[in-house]
């Protein structure tokens, strides 16, 4: 099972890096047409799930867990990663004092 977890981890990590690069270029108005968020809205859940599956499966396998427990941990990691990716806001710092649009912040 370990090679399956390595493949999932490698695929998830490379997809995440590609996602970050494309998203950054889309935010910079270089590649607006291929913004992954607007083209496939739930793709980030799939990328997070694959990465979580690989990470949880690898860590539980190398920890010496039984194959059944490793598969359960990998499935749990996939669900937890996808849930967290769904829960995270696109603008996490927009409500902090001093951010743009906040008139109550005291600037020296």
Protein backbone atom coordinates (compact mmCIF):
# COMPACT_ATOMS: atom_id res chain seq x y z
CA UNK A 1 0.00 0.00 0.00
CA UNK A 2 2.90 2.37 0.57
CA UNK A 3 3.47 2.99 -3.19
CA UNK A 4 -0.17 4.03 -3.52
CA UNK A 5 0.26 6.56 -0.73
CA UNK A 6 3.46 7.89 -2.35
CA UNK A 7 1.66 8.31 -5.67
CA UNK A 8 -1.24 10.11 -3.98
CA UNK A 9 1.15 12.32 -2.01
CA UNK A 10 3.21 13.19 -5.10
CA UNK A 11 0.13 13.88 -7.20
CA UNK A 12 -1.45 15.97 -4.46
CA UNK A 13 1.70 17.97 -3.75
CA UNK A 14 2.41 18.69 -7.41
CA UNK A 15 -1.23 19.67 -7.93
CA UNK A 16 -1.08 22.00 -4.93
CA UNK A 17 2.08 23.69 -6.20
CA UNK A 18 0.56 24.07 -9.67
CA UNK A 19 -2.65 25.41 -8.10
CA UNK A 20 -0.72 28.05 -6.15
CA UNK A 21 1.22 29.17 -9.22
CA UNK A 22 -1.84 29.40 -11.47
CA UNK A 23 -3.91 31.11 -8.78
CA UNK A 24 -1.14 33.64 -8.19
CA UNK A 25 -0.89 34.42 -11.88
CA UNK A 26 -4.67 34.74 -12.12
CA UNK A 27 -4.72 37.17 -9.20
CA UNK A 28 -2.00 39.20 -10.92
CA UNK A 29 -4.24 39.48 -14.02
CA UNK A 30 -1.77 37.50 -16.12
CA UNK A 31 -3.81 34.32 -16.58
CA UNK A 32 -7.34 35.36 -15.61
CA UNK A 33 -8.93 32.97 -18.09
CA UNK A 34 -7.52 29.84 -16.44
CA UNK A 35 -8.24 30.70 -12.81
CA UNK A 36 -8.88 27.26 -11.23
CA UNK A 37 -11.33 28.68 -8.67
CA UNK A 38 -13.67 30.05 -11.33
CA UNK A 39 -13.42 27.16 -13.79
CA UNK A 40 -13.85 24.22 -11.40
CA UNK A 41 -15.01 25.46 -7.97
CA UNK A 42 -14.70 22.12 -6.15
CA UNK A 43 -11.28 21.23 -7.56
CA UNK A 44 -9.53 22.49 -4.44
CA UNK A 45 -11.43 19.90 -2.39
CA UNK A 46 -10.15 17.13 -4.65
CA UNK A 47 -6.56 18.38 -4.49
CA UNK A 48 -6.74 18.66 -0.70
CA UNK A 49 -8.31 15.23 -0.41
CA UNK A 50 -5.63 13.54 -2.51
CA UNK A 51 -2.86 15.25 -0.57
CA UNK A 52 -4.47 14.39 2.77
CA UNK A 53 -4.92 10.77 1.70
CA UNK A 54 -1.27 10.45 0.78
CA UNK A 55 0.06 12.19 3.89
CA UNK A 56 -2.12 10.28 6.35
CA UNK A 57 -1.52 6.97 4.60
CA UNK A 58 2.24 7.42 4.55
CA UNK A 59 2.48 8.52 8.16
CA UNK A 60 0.32 5.68 9.45
CA UNK A 61 2.10 3.07 7.33
CA UNK A 62 5.55 4.14 8.45
CA UNK A 63 4.30 4.26 12.05
CA UNK A 64 3.72 0.51 11.83
CA UNK A 65 -0.07 0.46 11.78
CA UNK A 66 -1.85 -2.48 10.20
CA UNK A 67 -2.88 -2.07 6.54
CA UNK A 68 -6.55 -1.78 7.47
CA UNK A 69 -5.86 0.97 9.99
CA UNK A 70 -3.62 2.74 7.48
CA UNK A 71 -6.40 2.78 4.88
CA UNK A 72 -8.83 4.10 7.50
CA UNK A 73 -6.34 6.80 8.52
CA UNK A 74 -5.77 7.70 4.86
CA UNK A 75 -9.51 8.02 4.28
CA UNK A 76 -9.82 10.13 7.41
CA UNK A 77 -6.97 12.34 6.26
CA UNK A 78 -8.63 12.82 2.88
CA UNK A 79 -11.94 13.81 4.47
CA UNK A 80 -10.30 16.11 7.02
CA UNK A 81 -8.18 17.86 4.38
CA UNK A 82 -11.14 18.37 2.05
CA UNK A 83 -13.26 19.67 4.94
CA UNK A 84 -10.56 22.14 5.96
CA UNK A 85 -10.06 23.31 2.37
CA UNK A 86 -13.80 23.92 2.13
CA UNK A 87 -13.86 25.76 5.46
CA UNK A 88 -10.94 28.11 4.79
CA UNK A 89 -11.92 31.53 3.55
CA UNK A 90 -10.31 33.05 0.47
CA UNK A 91 -9.58 36.31 2.30
CA UNK A 92 -8.50 35.23 5.81
CA UNK A 93 -6.94 38.59 6.73
CA UNK A 94 -9.72 40.88 5.52
CA UNK A 95 -11.22 41.27 9.01
CA UNK A 96 -8.01 42.09 10.85
CA UNK A 97 -7.49 45.61 12.20
CA UNK A 98 -5.41 47.66 9.83
CA UNK A 99 -6.50 45.81 6.71
CA UNK A 100 -7.93 47.72 3.79
CA UNK A 101 -11.47 48.87 4.36
CA UNK A 102 -11.17 48.98 8.15
CA UNK A 103 -11.75 52.54 9.31
CA UNK A 104 -11.44 51.75 13.03
CA UNK A 105 -7.74 50.94 12.84
CA UNK A 106 -5.35 53.47 14.35
CA UNK A 107 -2.48 54.30 12.04
CA UNK A 108 0.54 56.19 13.44
